[in-house]
């Protein structure tokens, strides 16, 4: 799978950078725009992957005006799904009580430009969604460009400019906020 080609160090399961300037990682734009991972089109697979509210929205469509596009009816409107989903890695982590998947979301509801969001989602062994957290993102509309790491200790570190957010996947597959002492330990390790 393409995701396996993302830079991996001895302490890092995944690192996605919002910029292509860091030669040790693949940038988020490269991973989204040059991927060969297909969008999920099967309704049953979407239903397994998403919460009920997300599933209902995923089936919606949205339209965008594009002056360079000419539809069969002569209009400049393009119609897309509200959101498209790709599973980059369906066995990112395997816990005793859960599995974690890396999901890419294309959000077409925010308007033009790049709207890419990588999430780590945890599932029960019978494939029910437990929890989710954003790992990395590129949003032209929100002006949000974030990098993310997932460590072998199951810490998710997300960096957006000068703001860092740390979460950890616990034994039941939920994302929790670690103690300040643990966060300091991660800084000492170089994250």
Protein backbone atom coordinates (compact mmCIF):
# COMPACT_ATOMS: atom_id res chain seq x y z
CA UNK A 1 0.00 0.00 0.00
CA UNK A 2 1.24 3.53 -0.76
CA UNK A 3 1.10 4.59 2.88
CA UNK A 4 3.89 2.17 3.76
CA UNK A 5 6.22 4.38 1.71
CA UNK A 6 5.79 7.29 4.12
CA UNK A 7 8.96 7.97 6.09
CA UNK A 8 9.18 5.72 9.12
CA UNK A 9 11.77 6.05 11.89
CA UNK A 10 12.32 3.66 14.76
CA UNK A 11 9.90 5.65 16.95
CA UNK A 12 7.40 6.76 14.34
CA UNK A 13 4.63 4.73 12.74
CA UNK A 14 3.50 7.61 10.53
CA UNK A 15 4.63 11.16 9.77
CA UNK A 16 2.77 13.34 7.31
CA UNK A 17 4.14 16.82 6.72
CA UNK A 18 2.01 19.68 5.42
CA UNK A 19 5.01 20.82 3.39
CA UNK A 20 7.12 19.05 0.80
CA UNK A 21 10.22 20.94 1.95
CA UNK A 22 11.13 18.33 4.56
CA UNK A 23 13.05 15.73 2.58
CA UNK A 24 12.62 13.07 5.30
CA UNK A 25 8.87 12.81 4.76
CA UNK A 26 6.33 12.80 2.01
CA UNK A 27 4.28 15.94 1.95
CA UNK A 28 0.54 15.90 2.34
CA UNK A 29 -0.08 17.28 -1.16
CA UNK A 30 2.07 14.53 -2.71
CA UNK A 31 0.15 11.86 -0.79
CA UNK A 32 -3.26 13.18 -1.79
CA UNK A 33 -2.75 14.28 -5.38
CA UNK A 34 -0.32 11.59 -6.54
CA UNK A 35 -1.93 8.60 -4.87
CA UNK A 36 -3.23 5.49 -6.56
CA UNK A 37 -5.58 4.67 -3.67
CA UNK A 38 -9.17 4.77 -5.01
CA UNK A 39 -12.08 6.63 -3.41
CA UNK A 40 -14.52 4.41 -1.56
CA UNK A 41 -17.63 4.14 -3.74
CA UNK A 42 -19.27 1.07 -2.21
CA UNK A 43 -22.10 2.16 0.11
CA UNK A 44 -21.63 -0.82 2.45
CA UNK A 45 -17.93 -0.03 2.91
CA UNK A 46 -18.74 3.63 3.54
CA UNK A 47 -21.32 2.63 6.12
CA UNK A 48 -18.76 0.43 7.92
CA UNK A 49 -16.16 3.19 7.90
CA UNK A 50 -18.26 6.21 8.94
CA UNK A 51 -20.54 7.23 11.77
CA UNK A 52 -24.27 7.37 10.83
CA UNK A 53 -24.18 11.19 10.53
CA UNK A 54 -21.04 11.09 8.35
CA UNK A 55 -22.57 8.38 6.18
CA UNK A 56 -25.68 10.47 5.48
CA UNK A 57 -23.50 13.45 4.52
CA UNK A 58 -21.18 11.30 2.38
CA UNK A 59 -24.08 10.43 0.08
CA UNK A 60 -24.94 14.10 -0.50
CA UNK A 61 -23.59 16.01 -3.48
CA UNK A 62 -22.41 19.58 -3.87
CA UNK A 63 -21.95 21.90 -6.85
CA UNK A 64 -19.19 24.36 -7.65
CA UNK A 65 -19.01 27.05 -10.31
CA UNK A 66 -15.99 26.70 -12.62
CA UNK A 67 -15.68 29.16 -15.49
CA UNK A 68 -13.40 26.72 -17.36
CA UNK A 69 -15.90 23.84 -17.16
CA UNK A 70 -18.72 23.34 -19.66
CA UNK A 71 -21.32 20.75 -18.71
CA UNK A 72 -23.54 18.93 -21.18
CA UNK A 73 -26.27 21.44 -20.36
CA UNK A 74 -23.92 24.38 -21.11
CA UNK A 75 -23.57 25.40 -17.47
CA UNK A 76 -20.38 26.00 -15.52
CA UNK A 77 -21.50 23.89 -12.55
CA UNK A 78 -19.64 20.75 -11.56
CA UNK A 79 -21.29 18.24 -9.24
CA UNK A 80 -19.27 16.21 -6.75
CA UNK A 81 -19.90 14.14 -3.69
CA UNK A 82 -19.93 16.23 -0.52
CA UNK A 83 -16.97 14.25 0.81
CA UNK A 84 -14.78 11.53 -0.63
CA UNK A 85 -12.94 8.99 1.51
CA UNK A 86 -9.86 6.84 0.93
CA UNK A 87 -8.43 4.23 3.27
CA UNK A 88 -4.67 4.67 3.15
CA UNK A 89 -3.87 1.96 5.66
CA UNK A 90 -6.49 -0.36 7.14
CA UNK A 91 -4.11 -1.93 9.66
CA UNK A 92 -2.08 1.04 10.87
CA UNK A 93 -2.20 -0.23 14.46
CA UNK A 94 -3.51 -3.47 15.86
CA UNK A 95 -4.38 -3.27 19.55
CA UNK A 96 -5.82 -6.03 21.69
CA UNK A 97 -9.28 -4.45 21.55
CA UNK A 98 -9.13 -2.32 18.41
CA UNK A 99 -7.58 -1.65 15.01
CA UNK A 100 -6.60 1.78 13.72
CA UNK A 101 -6.97 2.94 10.13
CA UNK A 102 -5.57 5.95 8.32
CA UNK A 103 -8.31 7.70 6.35
CA UNK A 104 -8.01 10.55 3.85
CA UNK A 105 -11.02 12.83 3.51
CA UNK A 106 -11.57 15.21 0.59
CA UNK A 107 -14.08 17.80 1.81
CA UNK A 108 -15.85 19.27 -1.21
CA UNK A 109 -18.34 21.25 0.90
CA UNK A 110 -15.80 23.92 1.89
CA UNK A 111 -15.51 25.38 -1.61
CA UNK A 112 -12.61 25.58 -4.01
CA UNK A 113 -8.98 24.87 -3.37
CA UNK A 114 -7.40 22.01 -1.52
CA UNK A 115 -9.39 20.58 1.40
CA UNK A 116 -7.55 17.44 2.57
CA UNK A 117 -7.79 15.86 6.01
CA UNK A 118 -5.99 12.74 7.25
CA UNK A 119 -7.67 11.07 10.23
CA UNK A 120 -6.73 8.13 12.37
CA UNK A 121 -9.86 6.18 13.24
CA UNK A 122 -10.12 3.29 15.66
CA UNK A 123 -12.55 0.41 15.27
CA UNK A 124 -13.69 -2.55 17.33
CA UNK A 125 -12.76 -6.03 16.12
CA UNK A 126 -16.23 -6.27 14.51
CA UNK A 127 -15.55 -2.98 12.63
CA UNK A 128 -17.58 -0.43 14.63
CA UNK A 129 -16.14 3.07 14.94
CA UNK A 130 -14.72 3.79 18.41
CA UNK A 131 -13.03 7.18 17.99
CA UNK A 132 -11.26 9.44 15.52
CA UNK A 133 -8.66 12.21 15.53
CA UNK A 134 -7.15 14.37 12.84
CA UNK A 135 -3.50 13.65 12.06
CA UNK A 136 -2.67 16.14 9.30
CA UNK A 137 -4.54 18.59 7.12
CA UNK A 138 -4.35 21.09 4.29
CA UNK A 139 -7.28 23.47 4.03
CA UNK A 140 -7.06 26.46 1.70
CA UNK A 141 -10.46 27.67 2.93
CA UNK A 142 -9.63 27.50 6.66
CA UNK A 143 -5.99 28.55 6.08
CA UNK A 144 -4.99 25.53 8.16
CA UNK A 145 -1.86 23.54 7.32
CA UNK A 146 -0.97 20.86 9.88
CA UNK A 147 1.60 18.07 10.12
CA UNK A 148 1.18 14.95 12.23
CA UNK A 149 3.06 12.03 13.75
CA UNK A 150 1.90 8.75 15.19
CA UNK A 151 4.54 7.20 17.44
CA UNK A 152 5.09 3.56 18.27
CA UNK A 153 3.88 4.41 21.80
CA UNK A 154 0.50 5.30 20.23
CA UNK A 155 0.88 9.06 20.67
CA UNK A 156 -0.64 11.29 18.02
CA UNK A 157 1.18 14.62 17.75
CA UNK A 158 -0.35 17.27 15.53
CA UNK A 159 1.43 20.53 14.74
CA UNK A 160 -0.37 23.54 13.24
CA UNK A 161 2.03 26.47 13.10
CA UNK A 162 3.06 27.17 16.69
CA UNK A 163 0.25 25.07 18.19
CA UNK A 164 0.85 21.44 19.10
CA UNK A 165 -1.82 18.98 20.13
CA UNK A 166 -1.02 15.64 21.72
CA UNK A 167 -3.35 12.67 22.13
CA UNK A 168 -2.79 9.03 22.93
CA UNK A 169 -4.75 5.97 21.91
CA UNK A 170 -5.63 4.06 25.08
CA UNK A 171 -6.17 0.28 25.39
CA UNK A 172 -9.85 0.56 24.47
CA UNK A 173 -9.12 2.56 21.29
CA UNK A 174 -10.16 6.02 22.53
CA UNK A 175 -8.05 9.14 22.02
CA UNK A 176 -7.18 10.70 25.37
CA UNK A 177 -5.20 13.79 26.32
CA UNK A 178 -2.04 12.74 28.20
CA UNK A 179 -0.71 14.41 31.32
CA UNK A 180 1.56 17.49 31.06
CA UNK A 181 4.46 15.34 32.31
CA UNK A 182 3.95 12.89 29.43
CA UNK A 183 3.78 15.76 26.95
CA UNK A 184 7.10 17.09 28.30
CA UNK A 185 8.60 13.60 27.89
CA UNK A 186 7.59 13.65 24.22
CA UNK A 187 9.37 17.00 23.76
CA UNK A 188 12.51 15.49 25.29
CA UNK A 189 12.26 12.62 22.76
CA UNK A 190 12.23 15.21 19.98
CA UNK A 191 8.59 15.36 18.92
